[in-house]
Amino acid sequence: SSGIFTFPSTGIYLVTARVSFNPTSASSGVTLSILGTANNSSFAELAKSTSGASGNARPEVMTCNAMFDVTDVSTHKIKFATNGGTYITYQGSSTINNNSFTFLKLGDT
């Protein structure tokens, strides 16, 4: 419920965020960020993707990827952030995957 994600085991992970949205104004812009902490408190930006939201009501998709070396599951955590405000409508569905967060363990640390 806090929006902070933990890891089941140590290792090197590829973290991917994908969001679908519609800008409601031609001047809307969106930033999608992956943030990580290694000390359970101070989050730093690991990856960032930006969109100029090129037109009113034109659907767009953004993807952001980051590698994260988890050496301690109690202190290494991830969260996601966007700056989309008043002029952005994020797409949701109960039948298809419009927005997703993927954690893929690539190997041991």
PDB file of N, CA and C in Angstrom:
ATOM      1  N   SER A   1       0.815  -1.208   0.000  1.00  0.00           N
ATOM      2  CA  SER A   1       0.000   0.000   0.000  1.00  0.00           C
ATOM      3  C   SER A   1       0.849   1.258   0.000  1.00  0.00           C
ATOM      4  N   SER A   2       2.145   1.150   0.325  1.00  0.00           N
ATOM      5  CA  SER A   2       3.003   2.329   0.366  1.00  0.00           C
ATOM      6  C   SER A   2       3.558   2.686  -1.012  1.00  0.00           C
ATOM      7  N   GLY A   3       3.469   1.756  -1.967  1.00  0.00           N
ATOM      8  CA  GLY A   3       4.033   1.994  -3.288  1.00  0.00           C
ATOM      9  C   GLY A   3       5.520   1.707  -3.353  1.00  0.00           C
ATOM     10  N   ILE A   4       6.070   1.154  -2.282  1.00  0.00           N
ATOM     11  CA  ILE A   4       7.482   0.789  -2.241  1.00  0.00           C
ATOM     12  C   ILE A   4       7.570  -0.725  -2.399  1.00  0.00           C
ATOM     13  N   PHE A   5       8.379  -1.159  -3.362  1.00  0.00           N
ATOM     14  CA  PHE A   5       8.490  -2.574  -3.693  1.00  0.00           C
ATOM     15  C   PHE A   5       9.762  -3.170  -3.098  1.00  0.00           C
ATOM     16  N   THR A   6       9.641  -4.372  -2.545  1.00  0.00           N
ATOM     17  CA  THR A   6      10.769  -5.101  -1.976  1.00  0.00           C
ATOM     18  C   THR A   6      11.115  -6.284  -2.879  1.00  0.00           C
ATOM     19  N   PHE A   7      12.204  -6.936  -2.579  1.00  0.00           N
ATOM     20  CA  PHE A   7      12.695  -8.048  -3.389  1.00  0.00           C
ATOM     21  C   PHE A   7      12.676  -9.336  -2.575  1.00  0.00           C
ATOM     22  N   PRO A   8      12.387 -10.472  -3.216  1.00  0.00           N
ATOM     23  CA  PRO A   8      12.327 -11.739  -2.495  1.00  0.00           C
ATOM     24  C   PRO A   8      13.703 -12.331  -2.164  1.00  0.00           C
ATOM     25  N   SER A   9      14.715 -11.949  -2.946  1.00  0.00           N
ATOM     26  CA  SER A   9      16.065 -12.477  -2.718  1.00  0.00           C
ATOM     27  C   SER A   9      17.086 -11.508  -3.295  1.00  0.00           C
ATOM     28  N   THR A  10      18.330 -11.643  -2.858  1.00  0.00           N
ATOM     29  CA  THR A  10      19.394 -10.801  -3.395  1.00  0.00           C
ATOM     30  C   THR A  10      19.675 -11.194  -4.841  1.00  0.00           C
ATOM     31  N   GLY A  11      20.275 -10.272  -5.573  1.00  0.00           N
ATOM     32  CA  GLY A  11      20.626 -10.541  -6.960  1.00  0.00           C
ATOM     33  C   GLY A  11      20.603  -9.268  -7.783  1.00  0.00           C
ATOM     34  N   ILE A  12      20.893  -9.418  -9.043  1.00  0.00           N
ATOM     35  CA  ILE A  12      20.862  -8.302  -9.980  1.00  0.00           C
ATOM     36  C   ILE A  12      19.546  -8.386 -10.743  1.00  0.00           C
ATOM     37  N   TYR A  13      18.775  -7.299 -10.681  1.00  0.00           N
ATOM     38  CA  TYR A  13      17.442  -7.268 -11.265  1.00  0.00           C
ATOM     39  C   TYR A  13      17.351  -6.240 -12.383  1.00  0.00           C
ATOM     40  N   LEU A  14      16.560  -6.574 -13.404  1.00  0.00           N
ATOM     41  CA  LEU A  14      16.143  -5.620 -14.407  1.00  0.00           C
ATOM     42  C   LEU A  14      14.727  -5.206 -14.016  1.00  0.00           C
ATOM     43  N   VAL A  15      14.547  -3.915 -13.747  1.00  0.00           N
ATOM     44  CA  VAL A  15      13.254  -3.380 -13.333  1.00  0.00           C
ATOM     45  C   VAL A  15      12.697  -2.567 -14.502  1.00  0.00           C
ATOM     46  N   THR A  16      11.458  -2.869 -14.888  1.00  0.00           N
ATOM     47  CA  THR A  16      10.818  -2.192 -16.010  1.00  0.00           C
ATOM     48  C   THR A  16       9.477  -1.621 -15.578  1.00  0.00           C
ATOM     49  N   ALA A  17       9.227  -0.380 -15.962  1.00  0.00           N
ATOM     50  CA  ALA A  17       7.929   0.257 -15.734  1.00  0.00           C
ATOM     51  C   ALA A  17       7.344   0.622 -17.089  1.00  0.00           C
ATOM     52  N   ARG A  18       6.046   0.401 -17.245  1.00  0.00           N
ATOM     53  CA  ARG A  18       5.345   0.725 -18.494  1.00  0.00           C
ATOM     54  C   ARG A  18       4.029   1.399 -18.131  1.00  0.00           C
ATOM     55  N   VAL A  19       3.769   2.574 -18.696  1.00  0.00           N
ATOM     56  CA  VAL A  19       2.510   3.274 -18.444  1.00  0.00           C
ATOM     57  C   VAL A  19       1.871   3.701 -19.769  1.00  0.00           C
ATOM     58  N   SER A  20       0.548   3.634 -19.809  1.00  0.00           N
ATOM     59  CA  SER A  20      -0.236   4.097 -20.948  1.00  0.00           C
ATOM     60  C   SER A  20      -1.053   5.296 -20.499  1.00  0.00           C
ATOM     61  N   PHE A  21      -1.106   6.317 -21.334  1.00  0.00           N
ATOM     62  CA  PHE A  21      -1.832   7.524 -20.940  1.00  0.00           C
ATOM     63  C   PHE A  21      -2.340   8.272 -22.158  1.00  0.00           C
ATOM     64  N   ASN A  22      -3.280   9.156 -21.923  1.00  0.00           N
ATOM     65  CA  ASN A  22      -3.778  10.089 -22.935  1.00  0.00           C
ATOM     66  C   ASN A  22      -3.548  11.502 -22.422  1.00  0.00           C
ATOM     67  N   PRO A  23      -2.832  12.326 -23.164  1.00  0.00           N
ATOM     68  CA  PRO A  23      -2.749  13.739 -22.788  1.00  0.00           C
ATOM     69  C   PRO A  23      -4.075  14.410 -23.118  1.00  0.00           C
ATOM     70  N   THR A  24      -4.524  15.295 -22.266  1.00  0.00           N
ATOM     71  CA  THR A  24      -5.774  16.018 -22.523  1.00  0.00           C
ATOM     72  C   THR A  24      -5.501  17.446 -22.977  1.00  0.00           C
ATOM     73  N   SER A  25      -4.235  17.756 -23.189  1.00  0.00           N
ATOM     74  CA  SER A  25      -3.837  19.065 -23.693  1.00  0.00           C
ATOM     75  C   SER A  25      -2.586  18.874 -24.540  1.00  0.00           C
ATOM     76  N   ALA A  26      -2.458  19.629 -25.607  1.00  0.00           N
ATOM     77  CA  ALA A  26      -1.303  19.491 -26.494  1.00  0.00           C
ATOM     78  C   ALA A  26       0.000  19.877 -25.813  1.00  0.00           C
ATOM     79  N   SER A  27      -0.068  20.596 -24.704  1.00  0.00           N
ATOM     80  CA  SER A  27       1.155  21.032 -24.033  1.00  0.00           C
ATOM     81  C   SER A  27       1.516  20.155 -22.839  1.00  0.00           C
ATOM     82  N   SER A  28       0.819  19.041 -22.672  1.00  0.00           N
ATOM     83  CA  SER A  28       1.106  18.156 -21.536  1.00  0.00           C
ATOM     84  C   SER A  28       2.425  17.431 -21.739  1.00  0.00           C
ATOM     85  N   GLY A  29       3.159  17.218 -20.669  1.00  0.00           N
ATOM     86  CA  GLY A  29       4.372  16.421 -20.694  1.00  0.00           C
ATOM     87  C   GLY A  29       4.367  15.453 -19.533  1.00  0.00           C
ATOM     88  N   VAL A  30       4.998  14.307 -19.728  1.00  0.00           N
ATOM     89  CA  VAL A  30       5.009  13.273 -18.690  1.00  0.00           C
ATOM     90  C   VAL A  30       6.437  12.796 -18.474  1.00  0.00           C
ATOM     91  N   THR A  31       6.798  12.577 -17.215  1.00  0.00           N
ATOM     92  CA  THR A  31       8.062  11.956 -16.852  1.00  0.00           C
ATOM     93  C   THR A  31       7.760  10.719 -16.020  1.00  0.00           C
ATOM     94  N   LEU A  32       8.378   9.605 -16.365  1.00  0.00           N
ATOM     95  CA  LEU A  32       8.267   8.352 -15.628  1.00  0.00           C
ATOM     96  C   LEU A  32       9.646   8.033 -15.064  1.00  0.00           C
ATOM     97  N   SER A  33       9.727   7.799 -13.751  1.00  0.00           N
ATOM     98  CA  SER A  33      11.015   7.530 -13.105  1.00  0.00           C
ATOM     99  C   SER A  33      10.970   6.252 -12.295  1.00  0.00           C
ATOM    100  N   ILE A  34      12.117   5.566 -12.266  1.00  0.00           N
ATOM    101  CA  ILE A  34      12.337   4.446 -11.353  1.00  0.00           C
ATOM    102  C   ILE A  34      13.340   4.934 -10.321  1.00  0.00           C
ATOM    103  N   LEU A  35      12.970   4.829  -9.045  1.00  0.00           N
ATOM    104  CA  LEU A  35      13.829   5.274  -7.948  1.00  0.00           C
ATOM    105  C   LEU A  35      14.195   4.084  -7.067  1.00  0.00           C
ATOM    106  N   GLY A  36      15.418   4.081  -6.573  1.00  0.00           N
ATOM    107  CA  GLY A  36      15.870   2.994  -5.720  1.00  0.00           C
ATOM    108  C   GLY A  36      16.579   3.494  -4.485  1.00  0.00           C
ATOM    109  N   THR A  37      16.553   2.670  -3.439  1.00  0.00           N
ATOM    110  CA  THR A  37      17.302   2.966  -2.224  1.00  0.00           C
ATOM    111  C   THR A  37      18.104   1.733  -1.817  1.00  0.00           C
ATOM    112  N   ALA A  38      19.289   1.976  -1.291  1.00  0.00           N
ATOM    113  CA  ALA A  38      20.123   0.908  -0.748  1.00  0.00           C
ATOM    114  C   ALA A  38      20.225   1.022   0.767  1.00  0.00           C
ATOM    115  N   ASN A  39      19.601   2.080   1.353  1.00  0.00           N
ATOM    116  CA  ASN A  39      19.681   2.281   2.804  1.00  0.00           C
ATOM    117  C   ASN A  39      18.298   2.375   3.457  1.00  0.00           C
ATOM    118  N   ASN A  40      17.267   1.999   2.717  1.00  0.00           N
ATOM    119  CA  ASN A  40      15.894   1.962   3.225  1.00  0.00           C
ATOM    120  C   ASN A  40      15.305   3.339   3.500  1.00  0.00           C
ATOM    121  N   SER A  41      15.933   4.421   2.999  1.00  0.00           N
ATOM    122  CA  SER A  41      15.347   5.742   3.246  1.00  0.00           C
ATOM    123  C   SER A  41      15.581   6.732   2.116  1.00  0.00           C
ATOM    124  N   SER A  42      16.799   6.898   1.647  1.00  0.00           N
ATOM    125  CA  SER A  42      17.102   7.900   0.619  1.00  0.00           C
ATOM    126  C   SER A  42      16.973   7.284  -0.769  1.00  0.00           C
ATOM    127  N   PHE A  43      15.959   7.733  -1.525  1.00  0.00           N
ATOM    128  CA  PHE A  43      15.742   7.218  -2.874  1.00  0.00           C
ATOM    129  C   PHE A  43      16.446   8.106  -3.887  1.00  0.00           C
ATOM    130  N   ALA A  44      17.079   7.465  -4.873  1.00  0.00           N
ATOM    131  CA  ALA A  44      17.750   8.171  -5.960  1.00  0.00           C
ATOM    132  C   ALA A  44      17.157   7.698  -7.281  1.00  0.00           C
ATOM    133  N   GLU A  45      17.135   8.597  -8.251  1.00  0.00           N
ATOM    134  CA  GLU A  45      16.605   8.247  -9.562  1.00  0.00           C
ATOM    135  C   GLU A  45      17.580   7.315 -10.279  1.00  0.00           C
ATOM    136  N   LEU A  46      17.095   6.146 -10.677  1.00  0.00           N
ATOM    137  CA  LEU A  46      17.905   5.160 -11.391  1.00  0.00           C
ATOM    138  C   LEU A  46      17.704   5.248 -12.898  1.00  0.00           C
ATOM    139  N   ALA A  47      16.498   5.643 -13.314  1.00  0.00           N
ATOM    140  CA  ALA A  47      16.180   5.754 -14.739  1.00  0.00           C
ATOM    141  C   ALA A  47      15.015   6.718 -14.911  1.00  0.00           C
ATOM    142  N   LYS A  48      14.957   7.335 -16.096  1.00  0.00           N
ATOM    143  CA  LYS A  48      13.915   8.323 -16.356  1.00  0.00           C
ATOM    144  C   LYS A  48      13.555   8.298 -17.837  1.00  0.00           C
ATOM    145  N   SER A  49      12.278   8.431 -18.109  1.00  0.00           N
ATOM    146  CA  SER A  49      11.776   8.515 -19.470  1.00  0.00           C
ATOM    147  C   SER A  49      10.836   9.714 -19.537  1.00  0.00           C
ATOM    148  N   THR A  50      10.916  10.471 -20.622  1.00  0.00           N
ATOM    149  CA  THR A  50      10.060  11.651 -20.743  1.00  0.00           C
ATOM    150  C   THR A  50       9.321  11.626 -22.071  1.00  0.00           C
ATOM    151  N   SER A  51       8.160  12.280 -22.083  1.00  0.00           N
ATOM    152  CA  SER A  51       7.357  12.397 -23.293  1.00  0.00           C
ATOM    153  C   SER A  51       6.851  13.827 -23.405  1.00  0.00           C
ATOM    154  N   GLY A  52       6.830  14.330 -24.605  1.00  0.00           N
ATOM    155  CA  GLY A  52       6.306  15.664 -24.840  1.00  0.00           C
ATOM    156  C   GLY A  52       4.804  15.694 -25.000  1.00  0.00           C
ATOM    157  N   ALA A  53       4.156  14.534 -24.969  1.00  0.00           N
ATOM    158  CA  ALA A  53       2.703  14.432 -25.139  1.00  0.00           C
ATOM    159  C   ALA A  53       2.260  15.275 -26.323  1.00  0.00           C
ATOM    160  N   SER A  54       2.436  14.716 -27.497  1.00  0.00           N
ATOM    161  CA  SER A  54       2.353  15.472 -28.740  1.00  0.00           C
ATOM    162  C   SER A  54       0.987  16.007 -29.144  1.00  0.00           C
ATOM    163  N   GLY A  55      -0.063  15.548 -28.555  1.00  0.00           N
ATOM    164  CA  GLY A  55      -1.346  16.087 -28.985  1.00  0.00           C
ATOM    165  C   GLY A  55      -2.473  15.710 -28.057  1.00  0.00           C
ATOM    166  N   ASN A  56      -3.546  16.416 -28.184  1.00  0.00           N
ATOM    167  CA  ASN A  56      -4.709  16.214 -27.344  1.00  0.00           C
ATOM    168  C   ASN A  56      -5.351  14.853 -27.629  1.00  0.00           C
ATOM    169  N   ALA A  57      -5.535  14.051 -26.589  1.00  0.00           N
ATOM    170  CA  ALA A  57      -6.227  12.760 -26.642  1.00  0.00           C
ATOM    171  C   ALA A  57      -5.570  11.747 -27.571  1.00  0.00           C
ATOM    172  N   ARG A  58      -4.276  11.847 -27.770  1.00  0.00           N
ATOM    173  CA  ARG A  58      -3.548  10.842 -28.556  1.00  0.00           C
ATOM    174  C   ARG A  58      -2.881   9.883 -27.592  1.00  0.00           C
ATOM    175  N   PRO A  59      -3.266   8.617 -27.612  1.00  0.00           N
ATOM    176  CA  PRO A  59      -2.703   7.666 -26.657  1.00  0.00           C
ATOM    177  C   PRO A  59      -1.187   7.520 -26.818  1.00  0.00           C
ATOM    178  N   GLU A  60      -0.503   7.394 -25.698  1.00  0.00           N
ATOM    179  CA  GLU A  60       0.939   7.207 -25.701  1.00  0.00           C
ATOM    180  C   GLU A  60       1.315   6.137 -24.683  1.00  0.00           C
ATOM    181  N   VAL A  61       2.474   5.536 -24.880  1.00  0.00           N
ATOM    182  CA  VAL A  61       3.020   4.537 -23.964  1.00  0.00           C
ATOM    183  C   VAL A  61       4.462   4.928 -23.665  1.00  0.00           C
ATOM    184  N   MET A  62       4.845   4.831 -22.396  1.00  0.00           N
ATOM    185  CA  MET A  62       6.226   5.087 -21.993  1.00  0.00           C
ATOM    186  C   MET A  62       6.764   3.857 -21.279  1.00  0.00           C
ATOM    187  N   THR A  63       8.038   3.580 -21.502  1.00  0.00           N
ATOM    188  CA  THR A  63       8.717   2.477 -20.821  1.00  0.00           C
ATOM    189  C   THR A  63      10.026   2.997 -20.254  1.00  0.00           C
ATOM    190  N   CYS A  64      10.376   2.496 -19.079  1.00  0.00           N
ATOM    191  CA  CYS A  64      11.605   2.903 -18.405  1.00  0.00           C
ATOM    192  C   CYS A  64      12.236   1.641 -17.817  1.00  0.00           C
ATOM    193  N   ASN A  65      13.565   1.484 -17.959  1.00  0.00           N
ATOM    194  CA  ASN A  65      14.278   0.303 -17.463  1.00  0.00           C
ATOM    195  C   ASN A  65      15.445   0.713 -16.580  1.00  0.00           C
ATOM    196  N   ALA A  66      15.699  -0.084 -15.542  1.00  0.00           N
ATOM    197  CA  ALA A  66      16.858   0.163 -14.679  1.00  0.00           C
ATOM    198  C   ALA A  66      17.408  -1.174 -14.181  1.00  0.00           C
ATOM    199  N   MET A  67      18.719  -1.231 -14.050  1.00  0.00           N
ATOM    200  CA  MET A  67      19.378  -2.379 -13.407  1.00  0.00           C
ATOM    201  C   MET A  67      19.556  -2.016 -11.943  1.00  0.00           C
ATOM    202  N   PHE A  68      19.328  -2.987 -11.055  1.00  0.00           N
ATOM    203  CA  PHE A  68      19.433  -2.724  -9.617  1.00  0.00           C
ATOM    204  C   PHE A  68      20.083  -3.920  -8.950  1.00  0.00           C
ATOM    205  N   ASP A  69      21.201  -3.678  -8.270  1.00  0.00           N
ATOM    206  CA  ASP A  69      21.947  -4.729  -7.576  1.00  0.00           C
ATOM    207  C   ASP A  69      21.468  -4.798  -6.134  1.00  0.00           C
ATOM    208  N   VAL A  70      20.696  -5.819  -5.808  1.00  0.00           N
ATOM    209  CA  VAL A  70      20.122  -5.983  -4.472  1.00  0.00           C
ATOM    210  C   VAL A  70      21.060  -6.869  -3.650  1.00  0.00           C
ATOM    211  N   THR A  71      21.767  -6.251  -2.706  1.00  0.00           N
ATOM    212  CA  THR A  71      22.681  -7.009  -1.846  1.00  0.00           C
ATOM    213  C   THR A  71      22.091  -7.269  -0.468  1.00  0.00           C
ATOM    214  N   ASP A  72      20.992  -6.583  -0.140  1.00  0.00           N
ATOM    215  CA  ASP A  72      20.313  -6.764   1.153  1.00  0.00           C
ATOM    216  C   ASP A  72      18.824  -6.493   0.945  1.00  0.00           C
ATOM    217  N   VAL A  73      17.988  -7.528   1.093  1.00  0.00           N
ATOM    218  CA  VAL A  73      16.557  -7.373   0.805  1.00  0.00           C
ATOM    219  C   VAL A  73      15.836  -6.486   1.821  1.00  0.00           C
ATOM    220  N   SER A  74      16.432  -6.249   2.968  1.00  0.00           N
ATOM    221  CA  SER A  74      15.778  -5.396   3.968  1.00  0.00           C
ATOM    222  C   SER A  74      16.011  -3.904   3.718  1.00  0.00           C
ATOM    223  N   THR A  75      17.025  -3.555   2.934  1.00  0.00           N
ATOM    224  CA  THR A  75      17.333  -2.137   2.692  1.00  0.00           C
ATOM    225  C   THR A  75      17.207  -1.699   1.238  1.00  0.00           C
ATOM    226  N   HIS A  76      17.274  -2.619   0.302  1.00  0.00           N
ATOM    227  CA  HIS A  76      17.221  -2.289  -1.123  1.00  0.00           C
ATOM    228  C   HIS A  76      15.776  -2.380  -1.609  1.00  0.00           C
ATOM    229  N   LYS A  77      15.235  -1.223  -2.044  1.00  0.00           N
ATOM    230  CA  LYS A  77      13.837  -1.146  -2.447  1.00  0.00           C
ATOM    231  C   LYS A  77      13.686  -0.238  -3.662  1.00  0.00           C
ATOM    232  N   ILE A  78      12.533  -0.372  -4.321  1.00  0.00           N
ATOM    233  CA  ILE A  78      12.236   0.383  -5.545  1.00  0.00           C
ATOM    234  C   ILE A  78      10.879   1.055  -5.399  1.00  0.00           C
ATOM    235  N   LYS A  79      10.746   2.250  -6.001  1.00  0.00           N
ATOM    236  CA  LYS A  79       9.434   2.868  -6.169  1.00  0.00           C
ATOM    237  C   LYS A  79       9.406   3.571  -7.518  1.00  0.00           C
ATOM    238  N   PHE A  80       8.216   3.913  -7.960  1.00  0.00           N
ATOM    239  CA  PHE A  80       8.008   4.525  -9.266  1.00  0.00           C
ATOM    240  C   PHE A  80       7.324   5.869  -9.078  1.00  0.00           C
ATOM    241  N   ALA A  81       7.603   6.806  -9.993  1.00  0.00           N
ATOM    242  CA  ALA A  81       7.004   8.137  -9.888  1.00  0.00           C
ATOM    243  C   ALA A  81       6.724   8.683 -11.279  1.00  0.00           C
ATOM    244  N   THR A  82       5.687   9.503 -11.370  1.00  0.00           N
ATOM    245  CA  THR A  82       5.401  10.263 -12.588  1.00  0.00           C
ATOM    246  C   THR A  82       5.116  11.704 -12.186  1.00  0.00           C
ATOM    247  N   ASN A  83       5.237  12.590 -13.136  1.00  0.00           N
ATOM    248  CA  ASN A  83       4.898  13.979 -12.863  1.00  0.00           C
ATOM    249  C   ASN A  83       3.641  14.388 -13.607  1.00  0.00           C
ATOM    250  N   GLY A  84       2.980  13.427 -14.253  1.00  0.00           N
ATOM    251  CA  GLY A  84       1.774  13.739 -15.012  1.00  0.00           C
ATOM    252  C   GLY A  84       0.730  14.354 -14.097  1.00  0.00           C
ATOM    253  N   GLY A  85       0.234  15.483 -14.447  1.00  0.00           N
ATOM    254  CA  GLY A  85      -0.679  16.204 -13.566  1.00  0.00           C
ATOM    255  C   GLY A  85      -2.057  16.345 -14.157  1.00  0.00           C
ATOM    256  N   THR A  86      -2.550  17.544 -14.117  1.00  0.00           N
ATOM    257  CA  THR A  86      -3.919  17.868 -14.504  1.00  0.00           C
ATOM    258  C   THR A  86      -4.246  17.452 -15.932  1.00  0.00           C
ATOM    259  N   TYR A  87      -3.296  17.493 -16.833  1.00  0.00           N
ATOM    260  CA  TYR A  87      -3.579  17.285 -18.245  1.00  0.00           C
ATOM    261  C   TYR A  87      -3.224  15.883 -18.747  1.00  0.00           C
ATOM    262  N   ILE A  88      -3.160  14.914 -17.847  1.00  0.00           N
ATOM    263  CA  ILE A  88      -2.832  13.545 -18.215  1.00  0.00           C
ATOM    264  C   ILE A  88      -3.894  12.609 -17.647  1.00  0.00           C
ATOM    265  N   THR A  89      -4.360  11.673 -18.465  1.00  0.00           N
ATOM    266  CA  THR A  89      -5.263  10.626 -17.995  1.00  0.00           C
ATOM    267  C   THR A  89      -4.563   9.290 -18.206  1.00  0.00           C
ATOM    268  N   TYR A  90      -4.227   8.594 -17.123  1.00  0.00           N
ATOM    269  CA  TYR A  90      -3.593   7.284 -17.222  1.00  0.00           C
ATOM    270  C   TYR A  90      -4.651   6.244 -17.544  1.00  0.00           C
ATOM    271  N   GLN A  91      -4.300   5.290 -18.390  1.00  0.00           N
ATOM    272  CA  GLN A  91      -5.235   4.278 -18.849  1.00  0.00           C
ATOM    273  C   GLN A  91      -5.214   3.071 -17.926  1.00  0.00           C
ATOM    274  N   GLY A  92      -6.376   2.593 -17.588  1.00  0.00           N
ATOM    275  CA  GLY A  92      -6.504   1.401 -16.762  1.00  0.00           C
ATOM    276  C   GLY A  92      -7.543   0.477 -17.359  1.00  0.00           C
ATOM    277  N   SER A  93      -7.459  -0.784 -17.018  1.00  0.00           N
ATOM    278  CA  SER A  93      -8.400  -1.753 -17.548  1.00  0.00           C
ATOM    279  C   SER A  93      -8.460  -2.957 -16.617  1.00  0.00           C
ATOM    280  N   SER A  94      -9.610  -3.583 -16.569  1.00  0.00           N
ATOM    281  CA  SER A  94      -9.742  -4.817 -15.794  1.00  0.00           C
ATOM    282  C   SER A  94      -9.527  -6.044 -16.672  1.00  0.00           C
ATOM    283  N   THR A  95      -9.311  -5.842 -17.986  1.00  0.00           N
ATOM    284  CA  THR A  95      -9.168  -6.985 -18.892  1.00  0.00           C
ATOM    285  C   THR A  95      -7.835  -7.049 -19.635  1.00  0.00           C
ATOM    286  N   ILE A  96      -7.121  -5.910 -19.758  1.00  0.00           N
ATOM    287  CA  ILE A  96      -5.813  -5.935 -20.426  1.00  0.00           C
ATOM    288  C   ILE A  96      -4.777  -5.216 -19.573  1.00  0.00           C
ATOM    289  N   ASN A  97      -3.519  -5.471 -19.856  1.00  0.00           N
ATOM    290  CA  ASN A  97      -2.411  -4.921 -19.081  1.00  0.00           C
ATOM    291  C   ASN A  97      -1.924  -3.617 -19.714  1.00  0.00           C
ATOM    292  N   ASN A  98      -2.514  -2.492 -19.301  1.00  0.00           N
ATOM    293  CA  ASN A  98      -2.104  -1.182 -19.818  1.00  0.00           C
ATOM    294  C   ASN A  98      -0.876  -0.644 -19.108  1.00  0.00           C
ATOM    295  N   ASN A  99      -0.753  -0.922 -17.835  1.00  0.00           N
ATOM    296  CA  ASN A  99       0.339  -0.411 -17.012  1.00  0.00           C
ATOM    297  C   ASN A  99       0.946  -1.587 -16.268  1.00  0.00           C
ATOM    298  N   SER A 100       2.270  -1.620 -16.195  1.00  0.00           N
ATOM    299  CA  SER A 100       2.891  -2.768 -15.532  1.00  0.00           C
ATOM    300  C   SER A 100       4.251  -2.403 -14.958  1.00  0.00           C
ATOM    301  N   PHE A 101       4.644  -3.186 -13.982  1.00  0.00           N
ATOM    302  CA  PHE A 101       5.969  -3.109 -13.371  1.00  0.00           C
ATOM    303  C   PHE A 101       6.518  -4.521 -13.342  1.00  0.00           C
ATOM    304  N   THR A 102       7.704  -4.712 -13.915  1.00  0.00           N
ATOM    305  CA  THR A 102       8.290  -6.042 -14.025  1.00  0.00           C
ATOM    306  C   THR A 102       9.634  -6.070 -13.312  1.00  0.00           C
ATOM    307  N   PHE A 103       9.855  -7.121 -12.543  1.00  0.00           N
ATOM    308  CA  PHE A 103      11.122  -7.340 -11.843  1.00  0.00           C
ATOM    309  C   PHE A 103      11.673  -8.675 -12.317  1.00  0.00           C
ATOM    310  N   LEU A 104      12.764  -8.637 -13.077  1.00  0.00           N
ATOM    311  CA  LEU A 104      13.356  -9.851 -13.637  1.00  0.00           C
ATOM    312  C   LEU A 104      14.735 -10.060 -13.024  1.00  0.00           C
ATOM    313  N   LYS A 105      14.892 -11.150 -12.289  1.00  0.00           N
ATOM    314  CA  LYS A 105      16.203 -11.447 -11.703  1.00  0.00           C
ATOM    315  C   LYS A 105      17.109 -12.018 -12.785  1.00  0.00           C
ATOM    316  N   LEU A 106      18.237 -11.334 -13.005  1.00  0.00           N
ATOM    317  CA  LEU A 106      19.173 -11.735 -14.045  1.00  0.00           C
ATOM    318  C   LEU A 106      20.247 -12.692 -13.536  1.00  0.00           C
ATOM    319  N   GLY A 107      20.562 -12.603 -12.243  1.00  0.00           N
ATOM    320  CA  GLY A 107      21.607 -13.457 -11.696  1.00  0.00           C
ATOM    321  C   GLY A 107      21.938 -13.080 -10.268  1.00  0.00           C
ATOM    322  N   ASP A 108      22.890 -13.772  -9.703  1.00  0.00           N
ATOM    323  CA  ASP A 108      23.309 -13.506  -8.339  1.00  0.00           C
ATOM    324  C   ASP A 108      24.193 -12.263  -8.282  1.00  0.00           C
ATOM    325  N   THR A 109      24.174 -11.635  -7.120  1.00  0.00           N
ATOM    326  CA  THR A 109      24.969 -10.447  -6.915  1.00  0.00           C
ATOM    327  C   THR A 109      26.396 -10.800  -6.502  1.00  0.00           C
TER     328      THR A 109
END
